[in-house]
C-alpha atoms as a PDB file:
ATOM      1  CA  MET A   1       0.000   0.000   0.000  1.00  0.00           C
ATOM      2  CA  ARG A   2       1.409   3.384  -1.043  1.00  0.00           C
ATOM      3  CA  VAL A   3       2.047   6.034   1.595  1.00  0.00           C
ATOM      4  CA  THR A   4       0.366   9.261   0.466  1.00  0.00           C
ATOM      5  CA  LEU A   5       1.857  11.665   2.997  1.00  0.00           C
ATOM      6  CA  PHE A   6       4.774  12.145   5.346  1.00  0.00           C
ATOM      7  CA  LEU A   7       3.786  14.732   7.933  1.00  0.00           C
ATOM      8  CA  ILE A   8       6.807  16.293   9.634  1.00  0.00           C
ATOM      9  CA  ILE A   9       5.947  18.051  12.897  1.00  0.00           C
ATOM     10  CA  VAL A  10       8.384  20.772  13.951  1.00  0.00           C
ATOM     11  CA  HIS A  11       8.683  23.644  16.375  1.00  0.00           C
ATOM     12  CA  ASP A  12       9.700  25.953  13.534  1.00  0.00           C
ATOM     13  CA  TYR A  13      11.167  25.532  10.055  1.00  0.00           C
ATOM     14  CA  THR A  14      13.200  27.375   7.492  1.00  0.00           C
ATOM     15  CA  LYS A  15      12.671  27.977   3.793  1.00  0.00           C
ATOM     16  CA  GLU A  16      15.495  25.491   3.259  1.00  0.00           C
ATOM     17  CA  ALA A  17      13.459  22.822   5.065  1.00  0.00           C
ATOM     18  CA  VAL A  18      10.482  23.549   2.795  1.00  0.00           C
ATOM     19  CA  ALA A  19      12.730  23.223  -0.273  1.00  0.00           C
ATOM     20  CA  GLN A  20      14.099  19.931   1.058  1.00  0.00           C
ATOM     21  CA  ALA A  21      10.547  18.613   1.515  1.00  0.00           C
ATOM     22  CA  GLN A  22       9.768  19.500  -2.093  1.00  0.00           C
ATOM     23  CA  LYS A  23      12.940  17.760  -3.288  1.00  0.00           C
ATOM     24  CA  LEU A  24      12.129  14.662  -1.237  1.00  0.00           C
ATOM     25  CA  GLU A  25       8.663  14.476  -2.789  1.00  0.00           C
ATOM     26  CA  ALA A  26      10.064  14.913  -6.289  1.00  0.00           C
ATOM     27  CA  PHE A  27      12.803  12.301  -5.916  1.00  0.00           C
ATOM     28  CA  SER A  28      10.618   9.715  -4.163  1.00  0.00           C
ATOM     29  CA  GLU A  29       8.975   8.912  -7.519  1.00  0.00           C
ATOM     30  CA  GLN A  30       5.927   7.707  -5.583  1.00  0.00           C
ATOM     31  CA  ASP A  31       3.842  10.902  -5.571  1.00  0.00           C
ATOM     32  CA  THR A  32       4.083  10.930  -1.777  1.00  0.00           C
ATOM     33  CA  ASP A  33       3.506  14.383  -0.310  1.00  0.00           C
ATOM     34  CA  VAL A  34       5.918  15.708   2.325  1.00  0.00           C
ATOM     35  CA  ALA A  35       4.309  18.358   4.532  1.00  0.00           C
ATOM     36  CA  LEU A  36       5.851  20.444   7.296  1.00  0.00           C
ATOM     37  CA  ILE A  37       3.583  21.588  10.113  1.00  0.00           C
ATOM     38  CA  LYS A  38       4.371  23.524  13.257  1.00  0.00           C
ATOM     39  CA  ALA A  39       3.367  21.705  16.442  1.00  0.00           C
ATOM     40  CA  SER A  40       1.260  24.702  17.488  1.00  0.00           C
ATOM     41  CA  ASP A  41      -0.693  24.538  14.208  1.00  0.00           C
ATOM     42  CA  LEU A  42      -1.251  20.805  14.618  1.00  0.00           C
ATOM     43  CA  VAL A  43      -2.661  21.473  18.097  1.00  0.00           C
ATOM     44  CA  TYR A  44      -4.934  24.124  16.555  1.00  0.00           C
ATOM     45  CA  VAL A  45      -6.257  21.650  13.986  1.00  0.00           C
ATOM     46  CA  ALA A  46      -6.825  19.019  16.680  1.00  0.00           C
ATOM     47  CA  GLU A  47      -8.829  21.470  18.779  1.00  0.00           C
ATOM     48  CA  GLN A  48     -10.792  23.202  15.999  1.00  0.00           C
ATOM     49  CA  TRP A  49     -11.460  20.745  13.158  1.00  0.00           C
ATOM     50  CA  LYS A  50     -14.979  19.802  14.280  1.00  0.00           C
ATOM     51  CA  ASN A  51     -16.010  23.463  13.960  1.00  0.00           C
ATOM     52  CA  TYR A  52     -15.382  23.208  10.211  1.00  0.00           C
ATOM     53  CA  SER A  53     -17.572  20.164   9.683  1.00  0.00           C
ATOM     54  CA  ASP A  54     -21.243  20.312   8.788  1.00  0.00           C
ATOM     55  CA  GLN A  55     -21.700  16.603   9.533  1.00  0.00           C
ATOM     56  CA  LYS A  56     -23.857  15.357  12.380  1.00  0.00           C
ATOM     57  CA  ASN A  57     -21.135  12.859  13.356  1.00  0.00           C
ATOM     58  CA  PRO A  58     -17.996  14.501  11.957  1.00  0.00           C
ATOM     59  CA  THR A  59     -15.004  12.519  10.795  1.00  0.00           C
ATOM     60  CA  PHE A  60     -11.611  13.985  10.101  1.00  0.00           C
ATOM     61  CA  ASN A  61     -10.461  14.004   6.479  1.00  0.00           C
ATOM     62  CA  LEU A  62      -6.706  13.547   6.096  1.00  0.00           C
ATOM     63  CA  GLN A  63      -6.849  15.598   2.882  1.00  0.00           C
ATOM     64  CA  VAL A  64      -6.376  18.567   5.212  1.00  0.00           C
ATOM     65  CA  PHE A  65      -2.693  17.583   5.422  1.00  0.00           C
ATOM     66  CA  ASN A  66      -2.191  16.048   1.973  1.00  0.00           C
ATOM     67  CA  MET A  67       0.162  18.458   0.212  1.00  0.00           C
ATOM     68  CA  THR A  68       3.872  19.044  -0.153  1.00  0.00           C
ATOM     69  CA  GLY A  69       5.471  22.024   1.543  1.00  0.00           C
ATOM     70  CA  GLU A  70       4.540  24.345   4.344  1.00  0.00           C
ATOM     71  CA  LEU A  71       1.190  23.814   6.093  1.00  0.00           C
ATOM     72  CA  THR A  72       0.696  27.318   7.447  1.00  0.00           C
ATOM     73  CA  ARG A  73      -2.257  28.260   9.623  1.00  0.00           C
ATOM     74  CA  SER A  74      -3.965  30.036   6.702  1.00  0.00           C
ATOM     75  CA  ILE A  75      -3.481  27.038   4.405  1.00  0.00           C
ATOM     76  CA  LEU A  76      -4.830  24.718   7.094  1.00  0.00           C
ATOM     77  CA  LEU A  77      -7.896  26.931   7.578  1.00  0.00           C
ATOM     78  CA  SER A  78      -8.580  26.912   3.857  1.00  0.00           C
ATOM     79  CA  ARG A  79      -8.113  23.149   3.572  1.00  0.00           C
ATOM     80  CA  MET A  80     -10.374  22.471   6.579  1.00  0.00           C
ATOM     81  CA  GLU A  81     -13.092  24.616   5.016  1.00  0.00           C
ATOM     82  CA  TRP A  82     -13.385  22.391   1.936  1.00  0.00           C
ATOM     83  CA  ALA A  83     -12.095  19.018   3.181  1.00  0.00           C
ATOM     84  CA  LEU A  84     -14.352  18.704   6.212  1.00  0.00           C
ATOM     85  CA  LYS A  85     -17.663  19.649   4.621  1.00  0.00           C
ATOM     86  CA  GLY A  86     -20.401  17.331   3.437  1.00  0.00           C
ATOM     87  CA  THR A  87     -19.811  13.774   2.361  1.00  0.00           C
ATOM     88  CA  GLN A  88     -16.010  13.736   2.083  1.00  0.00           C
ATOM     89  CA  ARG A  89     -14.593  11.158   4.464  1.00  0.00           C
ATOM     90  CA  VAL A  90     -11.289   9.439   5.254  1.00  0.00           C
END
């Protein structure tokens, strides 16, 4: 089974780290995303994701994290808005 995402949790990161994540994704030849997320932003997602769902019994959709590069707070907010609505499920 193919891994679709490596999620790297950090305190902080540099632009060099983001570039390295992009290179890792490109050279893996598996179309596996490599995302960097600050621990504080991961905590935010864990605490807030249900507020973005319109489901009666919400489930978390891992598509929120499925991208290569920097998962900033604004990107996470945008991704939660579309990934956690309606019938999309993990």
